[in-house]
Amino acid sequence: MNRSKAKGTSAETAVVRFLRTIGFIQAERRTLNGILDRGDITGIPGVVIEVKNCARQELAAWVAEAERERDNDRATLGVVWHKRRGKTDPADWFVTMSGAQFASLLREQQGLPVLPDTDDEAA
């Protein structure tokens, strides 16, 4: 296994361990699915988690990847959980998503009705 892949595997494993310790006991690493990839972490219904451990942040590309994987999985939420420099605990890392994803999460958290998907209308 090359160094980059080992870093990714280590980060994914750390996120899974963290999620399990806080009660998401079904969380697990997902195998690669090529072009139809569905994220790195599975076991939380409706959620796709893409994990990154990179020196250079590429948030726009990472969020786009997470949203593609969310669509591939037919999930409702796609996020990027990325390692924070100098921090080993995933609780201290960052989770990034689009504004639209965050607004949907807020609406759900507040018990507001789900808005219709407007992605098709914009195309």
N, C-alpha and C. Protein backbone atom coordinates (compact mmCIF):
# COMPACT_ATOMS: atom_id res chain seq x y z
N MET A 1 0.85 -1.17 0.00
CA MET A 1 0.00 0.00 0.00
C MET A 1 0.90 1.24 0.00
N ASN A 2 0.60 2.20 -0.89
CA ASN A 2 1.42 3.41 -0.93
C ASN A 2 1.12 4.33 0.26
N ARG A 3 1.99 5.28 0.46
CA ARG A 3 1.90 6.16 1.64
C ARG A 3 0.59 6.94 1.66
N SER A 4 0.16 7.46 0.52
CA SER A 4 -1.07 8.24 0.45
C SER A 4 -2.29 7.40 0.82
N LYS A 5 -2.34 6.18 0.27
CA LYS A 5 -3.45 5.27 0.57
C LYS A 5 -3.45 4.88 2.05
N ALA A 6 -2.26 4.67 2.61
CA ALA A 6 -2.15 4.34 4.04
C ALA A 6 -2.66 5.48 4.91
N LYS A 7 -2.34 6.72 4.53
CA LYS A 7 -2.83 7.89 5.27
C LYS A 7 -4.35 7.94 5.23
N GLY A 8 -4.92 7.68 4.05
CA GLY A 8 -6.38 7.69 3.91
C GLY A 8 -7.04 6.60 4.73
N THR A 9 -6.49 5.42 4.67
CA THR A 9 -7.03 4.29 5.44
C THR A 9 -6.97 4.59 6.93
N SER A 10 -5.87 5.14 7.39
CA SER A 10 -5.71 5.49 8.80
C SER A 10 -6.75 6.52 9.23
N ALA A 11 -6.97 7.53 8.41
CA ALA A 11 -7.95 8.57 8.74
C ALA A 11 -9.37 8.00 8.76
N GLU A 12 -9.70 7.17 7.77
CA GLU A 12 -11.02 6.55 7.74
C GLU A 12 -11.25 5.68 8.97
N THR A 13 -10.25 4.91 9.35
CA THR A 13 -10.35 4.06 10.53
C THR A 13 -10.55 4.90 11.79
N ALA A 14 -9.84 6.01 11.88
CA ALA A 14 -9.97 6.89 13.04
C ALA A 14 -11.39 7.47 13.13
N VAL A 15 -11.96 7.87 12.01
CA VAL A 15 -13.32 8.41 12.00
C VAL A 15 -14.31 7.33 12.41
N VAL A 16 -14.16 6.11 11.88
CA VAL A 16 -15.06 5.02 12.25
C VAL A 16 -14.98 4.75 13.75
N ARG A 17 -13.77 4.68 14.29
CA ARG A 17 -13.62 4.44 15.74
C ARG A 17 -14.31 5.53 16.55
N PHE A 18 -14.12 6.78 16.13
CA PHE A 18 -14.75 7.90 16.83
C PHE A 18 -16.27 7.77 16.78
N LEU A 19 -16.82 7.53 15.59
CA LEU A 19 -18.27 7.39 15.46
C LEU A 19 -18.82 6.27 16.33
N ARG A 20 -18.10 5.16 16.37
CA ARG A 20 -18.55 4.03 17.20
C ARG A 20 -18.54 4.39 18.68
N THR A 21 -17.54 5.15 19.13
CA THR A 21 -17.47 5.51 20.55
C THR A 21 -18.60 6.44 20.96
N ILE A 22 -19.18 7.18 20.00
CA ILE A 22 -20.27 8.09 20.35
C ILE A 22 -21.64 7.51 20.01
N GLY A 23 -21.68 6.20 19.71
CA GLY A 23 -22.96 5.53 19.58
C GLY A 23 -23.35 5.05 18.20
N PHE A 24 -22.57 5.37 17.17
CA PHE A 24 -22.89 4.91 15.82
C PHE A 24 -22.15 3.59 15.57
N ILE A 25 -22.63 2.54 16.25
CA ILE A 25 -21.89 1.28 16.28
C ILE A 25 -21.87 0.55 14.93
N GLN A 26 -22.75 0.92 14.00
CA GLN A 26 -22.75 0.29 12.68
C GLN A 26 -21.78 0.96 11.71
N ALA A 27 -21.15 2.05 12.11
CA ALA A 27 -20.23 2.76 11.22
C ALA A 27 -19.09 1.83 10.82
N GLU A 28 -18.75 1.86 9.53
CA GLU A 28 -17.64 1.05 9.03
C GLU A 28 -17.11 1.64 7.74
N ARG A 29 -15.87 1.26 7.44
CA ARG A 29 -15.26 1.69 6.18
C ARG A 29 -15.93 0.95 5.04
N ARG A 30 -16.09 1.65 3.95
CA ARG A 30 -16.73 1.08 2.77
C ARG A 30 -15.67 0.80 1.72
N THR A 31 -15.83 -0.28 0.98
CA THR A 31 -14.89 -0.60 -0.09
C THR A 31 -15.12 0.35 -1.26
N LEU A 32 -14.08 0.55 -2.06
CA LEU A 32 -14.17 1.43 -3.22
C LEU A 32 -15.13 0.84 -4.25
N ASN A 33 -15.87 1.74 -4.90
CA ASN A 33 -16.80 1.32 -5.95
C ASN A 33 -16.51 2.02 -7.27
N GLY A 34 -15.30 2.51 -7.46
CA GLY A 34 -14.92 3.14 -8.71
C GLY A 34 -15.76 4.37 -9.01
N ILE A 35 -16.24 4.46 -10.24
CA ILE A 35 -17.00 5.63 -10.69
C ILE A 35 -18.30 5.81 -9.90
N LEU A 36 -18.84 4.73 -9.37
CA LEU A 36 -20.07 4.80 -8.59
C LEU A 36 -19.80 4.74 -7.09
N ASP A 37 -18.67 5.31 -6.69
CA ASP A 37 -18.28 5.33 -5.28
C ASP A 37 -19.39 5.96 -4.45
N ARG A 38 -19.57 5.44 -3.24
CA ARG A 38 -20.63 5.91 -2.35
C ARG A 38 -20.08 6.38 -1.01
N GLY A 39 -18.85 6.92 -1.03
CA GLY A 39 -18.26 7.48 0.18
C GLY A 39 -17.37 6.49 0.90
N ASP A 40 -16.68 6.98 1.91
CA ASP A 40 -15.71 6.18 2.65
C ASP A 40 -16.30 5.48 3.87
N ILE A 41 -17.32 6.10 4.48
CA ILE A 41 -17.90 5.56 5.71
C ILE A 41 -19.37 5.26 5.47
N THR A 42 -19.80 4.09 5.89
CA THR A 42 -21.19 3.68 5.79
C THR A 42 -21.70 3.29 7.18
N GLY A 43 -22.99 3.01 7.28
CA GLY A 43 -23.56 2.55 8.55
C GLY A 43 -24.43 3.58 9.23
N ILE A 44 -24.51 4.79 8.67
CA ILE A 44 -25.43 5.81 9.19
C ILE A 44 -26.42 6.08 8.06
N PRO A 45 -27.64 5.57 8.19
CA PRO A 45 -28.62 5.67 7.10
C PRO A 45 -28.80 7.11 6.61
N GLY A 46 -28.74 7.26 5.28
CA GLY A 46 -28.97 8.56 4.67
C GLY A 46 -27.77 9.49 4.65
N VAL A 47 -26.63 9.01 5.15
CA VAL A 47 -25.44 9.87 5.26
C VAL A 47 -24.26 9.23 4.54
N VAL A 48 -23.59 10.04 3.73
CA VAL A 48 -22.35 9.65 3.06
C VAL A 48 -21.24 10.51 3.62
N ILE A 49 -20.17 9.86 4.07
CA ILE A 49 -19.01 10.58 4.61
C ILE A 49 -17.79 10.27 3.76
N GLU A 50 -17.20 11.31 3.23
CA GLU A 50 -15.95 11.21 2.48
C GLU A 50 -14.85 11.72 3.42
N VAL A 51 -13.83 10.91 3.66
CA VAL A 51 -12.76 11.27 4.60
C VAL A 51 -11.51 11.68 3.82
N LYS A 52 -10.90 12.78 4.24
CA LYS A 52 -9.69 13.28 3.59
C LYS A 52 -8.60 13.53 4.62
N ASN A 53 -7.38 13.15 4.26
CA ASN A 53 -6.19 13.41 5.07
C ASN A 53 -5.11 13.89 4.12
N CYS A 54 -5.21 15.15 3.72
CA CYS A 54 -4.33 15.72 2.70
C CYS A 54 -3.67 17.00 3.24
N ALA A 55 -2.44 17.22 2.82
CA ALA A 55 -1.73 18.42 3.22
C ALA A 55 -2.39 19.67 2.61
N ARG A 56 -2.85 19.53 1.37
CA ARG A 56 -3.47 20.66 0.67
C ARG A 56 -4.98 20.48 0.63
N GLN A 57 -5.71 21.48 1.10
CA GLN A 57 -7.16 21.40 1.10
C GLN A 57 -7.72 21.81 -0.25
N GLU A 58 -8.65 21.01 -0.74
CA GLU A 58 -9.34 21.30 -1.99
C GLU A 58 -10.84 21.15 -1.74
N LEU A 59 -11.36 22.06 -0.90
CA LEU A 59 -12.73 21.93 -0.40
C LEU A 59 -13.77 21.83 -1.50
N ALA A 60 -13.68 22.68 -2.53
CA ALA A 60 -14.70 22.66 -3.59
C ALA A 60 -14.75 21.28 -4.26
N ALA A 61 -13.60 20.74 -4.60
CA ALA A 61 -13.56 19.41 -5.25
C ALA A 61 -14.02 18.33 -4.28
N TRP A 62 -13.63 18.44 -3.03
CA TRP A 62 -14.03 17.43 -2.05
C TRP A 62 -15.53 17.42 -1.82
N VAL A 63 -16.14 18.61 -1.69
CA VAL A 63 -17.59 18.70 -1.48
C VAL A 63 -18.32 18.18 -2.71
N ALA A 64 -17.84 18.52 -3.90
CA ALA A 64 -18.46 18.00 -5.13
C ALA A 64 -18.39 16.48 -5.15
N GLU A 65 -17.26 15.91 -4.73
CA GLU A 65 -17.11 14.46 -4.66
C GLU A 65 -18.11 13.86 -3.68
N ALA A 66 -18.22 14.46 -2.49
CA ALA A 66 -19.16 13.95 -1.48
C ALA A 66 -20.60 14.01 -1.98
N GLU A 67 -20.93 15.06 -2.72
CA GLU A 67 -22.30 15.17 -3.23
C GLU A 67 -22.57 14.17 -4.35
N ARG A 68 -21.58 13.90 -5.19
CA ARG A 68 -21.73 12.84 -6.21
C ARG A 68 -21.95 11.49 -5.53
N GLU A 69 -21.15 11.24 -4.49
CA GLU A 69 -21.26 9.97 -3.76
C GLU A 69 -22.60 9.89 -3.03
N ARG A 70 -23.07 11.01 -2.51
CA ARG A 70 -24.40 11.05 -1.88
C ARG A 70 -25.46 10.64 -2.89
N ASP A 71 -25.36 11.20 -4.11
CA ASP A 71 -26.33 10.85 -5.15
C ASP A 71 -26.21 9.38 -5.54
N ASN A 72 -24.97 8.88 -5.66
CA ASN A 72 -24.76 7.45 -5.98
C ASN A 72 -25.40 6.55 -4.94
N ASP A 73 -25.37 6.98 -3.69
CA ASP A 73 -25.89 6.19 -2.57
C ASP A 73 -27.38 6.45 -2.33
N ARG A 74 -27.91 7.46 -3.01
CA ARG A 74 -29.30 7.91 -2.79
C ARG A 74 -29.52 8.33 -1.34
N ALA A 75 -28.49 8.93 -0.79
CA ALA A 75 -28.54 9.44 0.59
C ALA A 75 -29.07 10.87 0.58
N THR A 76 -29.31 11.41 1.75
CA THR A 76 -29.78 12.80 1.84
C THR A 76 -28.68 13.77 2.24
N LEU A 77 -27.61 13.26 2.84
CA LEU A 77 -26.55 14.14 3.32
C LEU A 77 -25.19 13.60 2.88
N GLY A 78 -24.38 14.46 2.30
CA GLY A 78 -23.02 14.10 1.92
C GLY A 78 -22.05 15.12 2.48
N VAL A 79 -21.09 14.66 3.28
CA VAL A 79 -20.14 15.57 3.93
C VAL A 79 -18.71 15.09 3.74
N VAL A 80 -17.79 16.02 3.94
CA VAL A 80 -16.36 15.71 3.92
C VAL A 80 -15.84 15.89 5.34
N TRP A 81 -15.24 14.84 5.87
CA TRP A 81 -14.63 14.89 7.21
C TRP A 81 -13.14 14.92 6.97
N HIS A 82 -12.51 16.08 7.21
CA HIS A 82 -11.10 16.20 6.85
C HIS A 82 -10.22 16.51 8.05
N LYS A 83 -9.05 15.88 8.00
CA LYS A 83 -8.10 15.98 9.10
C LYS A 83 -7.60 17.41 9.26
N ARG A 84 -7.51 17.79 10.48
CA ARG A 84 -7.01 19.11 10.83
C ARG A 84 -5.54 18.97 11.20
N ARG A 85 -4.72 19.78 10.60
CA ARG A 85 -3.28 19.71 10.84
C ARG A 85 -2.96 19.83 12.33
N GLY A 86 -2.14 18.92 12.81
CA GLY A 86 -1.72 18.93 14.20
C GLY A 86 -2.70 18.28 15.17
N LYS A 87 -3.80 17.76 14.66
CA LYS A 87 -4.81 17.12 15.51
C LYS A 87 -4.97 15.66 15.10
N THR A 88 -4.91 14.76 16.07
CA THR A 88 -5.04 13.33 15.77
C THR A 88 -6.44 12.80 16.04
N ASP A 89 -7.22 13.49 16.86
CA ASP A 89 -8.55 13.03 17.22
C ASP A 89 -9.58 13.56 16.21
N PRO A 90 -10.34 12.67 15.55
CA PRO A 90 -11.34 13.13 14.59
C PRO A 90 -12.37 14.10 15.18
N ALA A 91 -12.54 14.09 16.49
CA ALA A 91 -13.45 15.06 17.12
C ALA A 91 -12.94 16.49 16.92
N ASP A 92 -11.65 16.64 16.67
CA ASP A 92 -11.05 17.96 16.46
C ASP A 92 -10.88 18.31 14.98
N TRP A 93 -11.24 17.41 14.09
CA TRP A 93 -11.12 17.65 12.67
C TRP A 93 -12.31 18.49 12.21
N PHE A 94 -12.37 18.77 10.92
CA PHE A 94 -13.44 19.58 10.36
C PHE A 94 -14.38 18.72 9.52
N VAL A 95 -15.65 19.12 9.49
CA VAL A 95 -16.63 18.51 8.61
C VAL A 95 -17.18 19.63 7.74
N THR A 96 -17.10 19.44 6.43
CA THR A 96 -17.49 20.48 5.48
C THR A 96 -18.60 19.96 4.57
N MET A 97 -19.53 20.85 4.26
CA MET A 97 -20.63 20.54 3.35
C MET A 97 -21.04 21.82 2.64
N SER A 98 -21.86 21.69 1.61
CA SER A 98 -22.35 22.87 0.91
C SER A 98 -23.37 23.60 1.77
N GLY A 99 -23.61 24.84 1.43
CA GLY A 99 -24.64 25.62 2.13
C GLY A 99 -26.01 24.99 2.00
N ALA A 100 -26.31 24.43 0.83
CA ALA A 100 -27.60 23.78 0.62
C ALA A 100 -27.76 22.57 1.54
N GLN A 101 -26.67 21.78 1.68
CA GLN A 101 -26.71 20.63 2.57
C GLN A 101 -26.93 21.08 4.02
N PHE A 102 -26.22 22.14 4.42
CA PHE A 102 -26.36 22.64 5.79
C PHE A 102 -27.76 23.16 6.03
N ALA A 103 -28.34 23.89 5.06
CA ALA A 103 -29.70 24.40 5.22
C ALA A 103 -30.69 23.24 5.38
N SER A 104 -30.51 22.17 4.60
CA SER A 104 -31.39 21.00 4.73
C SER A 104 -31.26 20.37 6.11
N LEU A 105 -30.02 20.29 6.59
CA LEU A 105 -29.78 19.73 7.92
C LEU A 105 -30.45 20.59 8.99
N LEU A 106 -30.33 21.90 8.86
CA LEU A 106 -30.98 22.81 9.82
C LEU A 106 -32.50 22.67 9.78
N ARG A 107 -33.06 22.59 8.57
CA ARG A 107 -34.51 22.44 8.44
C ARG A 107 -34.97 21.15 9.13
N GLU A 108 -34.22 20.07 8.90
CA GLU A 108 -34.58 18.79 9.52
C GLU A 108 -34.46 18.88 11.04
N GLN A 109 -33.38 19.48 11.52
CA GLN A 109 -33.15 19.61 12.96
C GLN A 109 -34.25 20.44 13.62
N GLN A 110 -34.78 21.42 12.89
CA GLN A 110 -35.83 22.29 13.42
C GLN A 110 -37.23 21.74 13.18
N GLY A 111 -37.33 20.58 12.52
CA GLY A 111 -38.63 19.97 12.27
C GLY A 111 -39.41 20.65 11.15
N LEU A 112 -38.72 21.39 10.28
CA LEU A 112 -39.39 22.04 9.16
C LEU A 112 -39.53 21.06 8.00
N PRO A 113 -40.53 21.25 7.15
CA PRO A 113 -40.72 20.30 6.04
C PRO A 113 -39.54 20.36 5.06
N VAL A 114 -39.30 19.22 4.43
CA VAL A 114 -38.24 19.12 3.43
C VAL A 114 -38.67 19.90 2.19
N LEU A 115 -37.76 20.71 1.67
CA LEU A 115 -38.05 21.45 0.45
C LEU A 115 -37.83 20.55 -0.76
N PRO A 116 -38.57 20.79 -1.85
CA PRO A 116 -38.33 19.99 -3.06
C PRO A 116 -36.93 20.24 -3.59
N ASP A 117 -36.35 19.22 -4.21
CA ASP A 117 -35.00 19.33 -4.79
C ASP A 117 -35.06 20.28 -5.96
N THR A 118 -34.22 21.32 -5.94
CA THR A 118 -34.24 22.32 -7.01
C THR A 118 -33.05 22.15 -7.95
N ASP A 119 -32.20 21.13 -7.74
CA ASP A 119 -31.04 20.93 -8.60
C ASP A 119 -31.44 20.76 -10.06
N ASP A 120 -32.53 20.03 -10.32
CA ASP A 120 -32.96 19.77 -11.70
C ASP A 120 -33.42 21.04 -12.40
N GLU A 121 -34.04 21.96 -11.65
CA GLU A 121 -34.53 23.19 -12.23
C GLU A 121 -33.41 24.11 -12.68
N ALA A 122 -32.28 24.07 -11.97
CA ALA A 122 -31.16 24.96 -12.28
C ALA A 122 -30.41 24.51 -13.53
N ALA A 123 -30.53 23.25 -13.90
CA ALA A 123 -29.78 22.72 -15.05
C ALA A 123 -30.36 23.16 -16.36
